[in-house]
Amino acid sequence: MEKQTEQWKKVLDKTEFIAIVTSGDEGAHTVGTWGDYARTLGVEGEEVRIPVWGYHKTEENIRNDSPVELLLGTKILQRSSGKFGQGCKLSGKGEIQTSGSLAELTKKIFPGSRGVLIVKVEKVLYTYSD
């Protein structure tokens, strides 16, 4: 996944908004965050870190083994065809931490947040075809 990792990280570096999708008894549940919030916490290997404010339904769905999907995109990056615009869907396992060193760091950087969502990216699907 090395080449894919390089590409989705480039998209993440330019995305303005990230949609976060989980699934539960009531179907799909979507929340969102700003791309710069994820960039501030950084990517560690294949893990995307996102500050958590509410996200109570997201947390419930994750506890019930829902995968997490992140949808990101940017019109700034050029594709191999020469056209502009790249997007991708990152899928994987999620975890919300409300205590521990990473959660405390997140609360310090983002006052009012209650912790951090960590998504371990296992699959990447690009949302364009050239």
C-alpha atoms as a PDB file:
ATOM      1  CA  MET A   1       0.000   0.000   0.000  1.00  0.00           C
ATOM      2  CA  GLU A   2       3.099   2.245  -0.101  1.00  0.00           C
ATOM      3  CA  LYS A   3       2.254   4.087  -3.353  1.00  0.00           C
ATOM      4  CA  GLN A   4      -1.399   4.357  -2.330  1.00  0.00           C
ATOM      5  CA  THR A   5      -0.333   5.729   1.051  1.00  0.00           C
ATOM      6  CA  GLU A   6       1.721   8.432  -0.583  1.00  0.00           C
ATOM      7  CA  GLN A   7      -1.227   9.466  -2.776  1.00  0.00           C
ATOM      8  CA  TRP A   8      -3.972   9.506  -0.133  1.00  0.00           C
ATOM      9  CA  LYS A   9      -1.693  11.437   2.180  1.00  0.00           C
ATOM     10  CA  LYS A  10      -1.264  14.048  -0.576  1.00  0.00           C
ATOM     11  CA  VAL A  11      -5.058  14.294  -0.860  1.00  0.00           C
ATOM     12  CA  LEU A  12      -5.381  14.579   2.934  1.00  0.00           C
ATOM     13  CA  ASP A  13      -2.754  17.307   2.904  1.00  0.00           C
ATOM     14  CA  LYS A  14      -4.959  19.420   0.582  1.00  0.00           C
ATOM     15  CA  THR A  15      -8.518  18.467   1.583  1.00  0.00           C
ATOM     16  CA  GLU A  16     -10.667  21.131   3.178  1.00  0.00           C
ATOM     17  CA  PHE A  17     -13.281  18.840   4.729  1.00  0.00           C
ATOM     18  CA  ILE A  18     -13.453  15.188   5.791  1.00  0.00           C
ATOM     19  CA  ALA A  19     -16.711  13.228   5.941  1.00  0.00           C
ATOM     20  CA  ILE A  20     -16.650  10.470   8.572  1.00  0.00           C
ATOM     21  CA  VAL A  21     -19.107   7.615   8.039  1.00  0.00           C
ATOM     22  CA  THR A  22     -20.042   4.710  10.318  1.00  0.00           C
ATOM     23  CA  SER A  23     -22.992   2.346  10.257  1.00  0.00           C
ATOM     24  CA  GLY A  24     -25.406   1.221  12.951  1.00  0.00           C
ATOM     25  CA  ASP A  25     -28.942  -0.065  13.500  1.00  0.00           C
ATOM     26  CA  GLU A  26     -30.351   3.104  11.965  1.00  0.00           C
ATOM     27  CA  GLY A  27     -28.163   2.875   8.852  1.00  0.00           C
ATOM     28  CA  ALA A  28     -25.301   5.138   7.841  1.00  0.00           C
ATOM     29  CA  HIS A  29     -24.265   7.901  10.214  1.00  0.00           C
ATOM     30  CA  THR A  30     -22.179  10.810   8.926  1.00  0.00           C
ATOM     31  CA  VAL A  31     -20.240  13.486  10.777  1.00  0.00           C
ATOM     32  CA  GLY A  32     -17.469  15.711   9.546  1.00  0.00           C
ATOM     33  CA  THR A  33     -14.383  17.663  10.435  1.00  0.00           C
ATOM     34  CA  TRP A  34     -12.034  20.162   8.862  1.00  0.00           C
ATOM     35  CA  GLY A  35      -9.021  18.812   7.018  1.00  0.00           C
ATOM     36  CA  ASP A  36      -6.661  21.095   8.913  1.00  0.00           C
ATOM     37  CA  TYR A  37      -7.798  19.533  12.215  1.00  0.00           C
ATOM     38  CA  ALA A  38      -6.596  16.112  11.016  1.00  0.00           C
ATOM     39  CA  ARG A  39      -3.402  17.651   9.645  1.00  0.00           C
ATOM     40  CA  THR A  40      -2.738  19.336  12.998  1.00  0.00           C
ATOM     41  CA  LEU A  41      -2.865  15.985  14.827  1.00  0.00           C
ATOM     42  CA  GLY A  42      -1.008  14.305  11.988  1.00  0.00           C
ATOM     43  CA  VAL A  43      -0.887  10.901  10.380  1.00  0.00           C
ATOM     44  CA  GLU A  44       1.168   8.204  12.071  1.00  0.00           C
ATOM     45  CA  GLY A  45       1.917   5.404   9.613  1.00  0.00           C
ATOM     46  CA  GLU A  46      -1.513   4.338   8.384  1.00  0.00           C
ATOM     47  CA  GLU A  47      -3.411   6.051  11.220  1.00  0.00           C
ATOM     48  CA  VAL A  48      -5.384   9.250  10.722  1.00  0.00           C
ATOM     49  CA  ARG A  49      -6.054  11.219  13.906  1.00  0.00           C
ATOM     50  CA  ILE A  50      -9.096  13.474  14.229  1.00  0.00           C
ATOM     51  CA  PRO A  51     -10.223  15.512  17.266  1.00  0.00           C
ATOM     52  CA  VAL A  52     -13.568  14.480  18.753  1.00  0.00           C
ATOM     53  CA  TRP A  53     -16.198  16.852  20.100  1.00  0.00           C
ATOM     54  CA  GLY A  54     -19.594  15.120  20.013  1.00  0.00           C
ATOM     55  CA  TYR A  55     -19.466  12.021  17.822  1.00  0.00           C
ATOM     56  CA  HIS A  56     -21.479   9.981  20.359  1.00  0.00           C
ATOM     57  CA  LYS A  57     -23.324   7.983  17.678  1.00  0.00           C
ATOM     58  CA  THR A  58     -20.042   7.471  15.818  1.00  0.00           C
ATOM     59  CA  GLU A  59     -18.506   6.152  19.039  1.00  0.00           C
ATOM     60  CA  GLU A  60     -21.464   3.808  19.619  1.00  0.00           C
ATOM     61  CA  ASN A  61     -21.209   2.459  16.062  1.00  0.00           C
ATOM     62  CA  ILE A  62     -17.456   1.885  16.431  1.00  0.00           C
ATOM     63  CA  ARG A  63     -18.037   0.018  19.719  1.00  0.00           C
ATOM     64  CA  ASN A  64     -20.434  -2.215  17.770  1.00  0.00           C
ATOM     65  CA  ASP A  65     -17.697  -3.039  15.206  1.00  0.00           C
ATOM     66  CA  SER A  66     -18.698  -0.636  12.458  1.00  0.00           C
ATOM     67  CA  PRO A  67     -15.879   0.127  10.059  1.00  0.00           C
ATOM     68  CA  VAL A  68     -15.051   3.810   9.598  1.00  0.00           C
ATOM     69  CA  GLU A  69     -14.905   5.476   6.205  1.00  0.00           C
ATOM     70  CA  LEU A  70     -13.291   8.835   5.576  1.00  0.00           C
ATOM     71  CA  LEU A  71     -14.124  10.698   2.380  1.00  0.00           C
ATOM     72  CA  LEU A  72     -11.681  13.381   1.297  1.00  0.00           C
ATOM     73  CA  GLY A  73     -11.085  15.367  -1.824  1.00  0.00           C
ATOM     74  CA  THR A  74      -9.395  18.372  -3.315  1.00  0.00           C
ATOM     75  CA  LYS A  75      -9.634  20.191  -6.617  1.00  0.00           C
ATOM     76  CA  ILE A  76      -6.040  21.439  -6.243  1.00  0.00           C
ATOM     77  CA  LEU A  77      -4.098  18.256  -7.066  1.00  0.00           C
ATOM     78  CA  GLN A  78      -3.553  17.258 -10.672  1.00  0.00           C
ATOM     79  CA  ARG A  79      -4.147  13.668 -11.791  1.00  0.00           C
ATOM     80  CA  SER A  80      -1.934  11.744 -14.211  1.00  0.00           C
ATOM     81  CA  SER A  81      -4.382  12.610 -17.029  1.00  0.00           C
ATOM     82  CA  GLY A  82      -3.715  16.295 -16.492  1.00  0.00           C
ATOM     83  CA  LYS A  83      -7.194  16.925 -15.072  1.00  0.00           C
ATOM     84  CA  PHE A  84      -7.510  18.569 -11.694  1.00  0.00           C
ATOM     85  CA  GLY A  85      -9.266  17.054  -8.723  1.00  0.00           C
ATOM     86  CA  GLN A  86      -8.475  14.020  -6.608  1.00  0.00           C
ATOM     87  CA  GLY A  87     -10.553  12.259  -4.007  1.00  0.00           C
ATOM     88  CA  CYS A  88     -10.512   9.041  -2.064  1.00  0.00           C
ATOM     89  CA  LYS A  89     -12.390   6.944   0.440  1.00  0.00           C
ATOM     90  CA  LEU A  90     -10.291   5.557   3.271  1.00  0.00           C
ATOM     91  CA  SER A  91     -11.760   2.542   5.079  1.00  0.00           C
ATOM     92  CA  GLY A  92     -10.615   0.876   8.250  1.00  0.00           C
ATOM     93  CA  LYS A  93     -11.018   0.293  11.952  1.00  0.00           C
ATOM     94  CA  GLY A  94     -11.668   3.214  14.261  1.00  0.00           C
ATOM     95  CA  GLU A  95     -11.160   3.891  17.917  1.00  0.00           C
ATOM     96  CA  ILE A  96     -12.156   6.877  20.022  1.00  0.00           C
ATOM     97  CA  GLN A  97      -9.835   7.600  22.931  1.00  0.00           C
ATOM     98  CA  THR A  98     -11.097   9.976  25.622  1.00  0.00           C
ATOM     99  CA  SER A  99      -8.230   9.342  28.034  1.00  0.00           C
ATOM    100  CA  GLY A 100      -4.527   8.647  27.715  1.00  0.00           C
ATOM    101  CA  SER A 101      -1.642  10.713  26.382  1.00  0.00           C
ATOM    102  CA  LEU A 102      -2.947  11.208  22.829  1.00  0.00           C
ATOM    103  CA  ALA A 103      -6.436  12.173  24.054  1.00  0.00           C
ATOM    104  CA  GLU A 104      -4.944  14.642  26.547  1.00  0.00           C
ATOM    105  CA  LEU A 105      -2.711  16.160  23.864  1.00  0.00           C
ATOM    106  CA  THR A 106      -5.742  16.515  21.577  1.00  0.00           C
ATOM    107  CA  LYS A 107      -7.741  18.259  24.345  1.00  0.00           C
ATOM    108  CA  LYS A 108      -4.854  20.660  24.878  1.00  0.00           C
ATOM    109  CA  ILE A 109      -4.530  21.494  21.165  1.00  0.00           C
ATOM    110  CA  PHE A 110      -8.314  21.642  20.637  1.00  0.00           C
ATOM    111  CA  PRO A 111      -9.913  23.054  23.814  1.00  0.00           C
ATOM    112  CA  GLY A 112     -13.419  21.690  24.263  1.00  0.00           C
ATOM    113  CA  SER A 113     -12.703  18.454  22.422  1.00  0.00           C
ATOM    114  CA  ARG A 114     -13.240  15.264  24.385  1.00  0.00           C
ATOM    115  CA  GLY A 115     -10.583  13.093  22.782  1.00  0.00           C
ATOM    116  CA  VAL A 116      -9.299  11.698  19.515  1.00  0.00           C
ATOM    117  CA  LEU A 117     -10.650   9.431  16.768  1.00  0.00           C
ATOM    118  CA  ILE A 118      -7.933   7.186  15.387  1.00  0.00           C
ATOM    119  CA  VAL A 119      -8.687   5.496  12.070  1.00  0.00           C
ATOM    120  CA  LYS A 120      -6.335   2.695  10.980  1.00  0.00           C
ATOM    121  CA  VAL A 121      -6.545   2.831   7.171  1.00  0.00           C
ATOM    122  CA  GLU A 122      -6.861  -0.662   5.693  1.00  0.00           C
ATOM    123  CA  LYS A 123      -8.260   0.114   2.231  1.00  0.00           C
ATOM    124  CA  VAL A 124      -8.105   3.052  -0.169  1.00  0.00           C
ATOM    125  CA  LEU A 125     -10.566   3.624  -3.025  1.00  0.00           C
ATOM    126  CA  TYR A 126      -9.943   6.528  -5.381  1.00  0.00           C
ATOM    127  CA  THR A 127     -13.103   8.317  -6.486  1.00  0.00           C
ATOM    128  CA  TYR A 128     -12.025   9.194 -10.008  1.00  0.00           C
ATOM    129  CA  SER A 129     -10.992   7.263 -13.100  1.00  0.00           C
ATOM    130  CA  ASP A 130      -8.852   8.508 -15.952  1.00  0.00           C
END
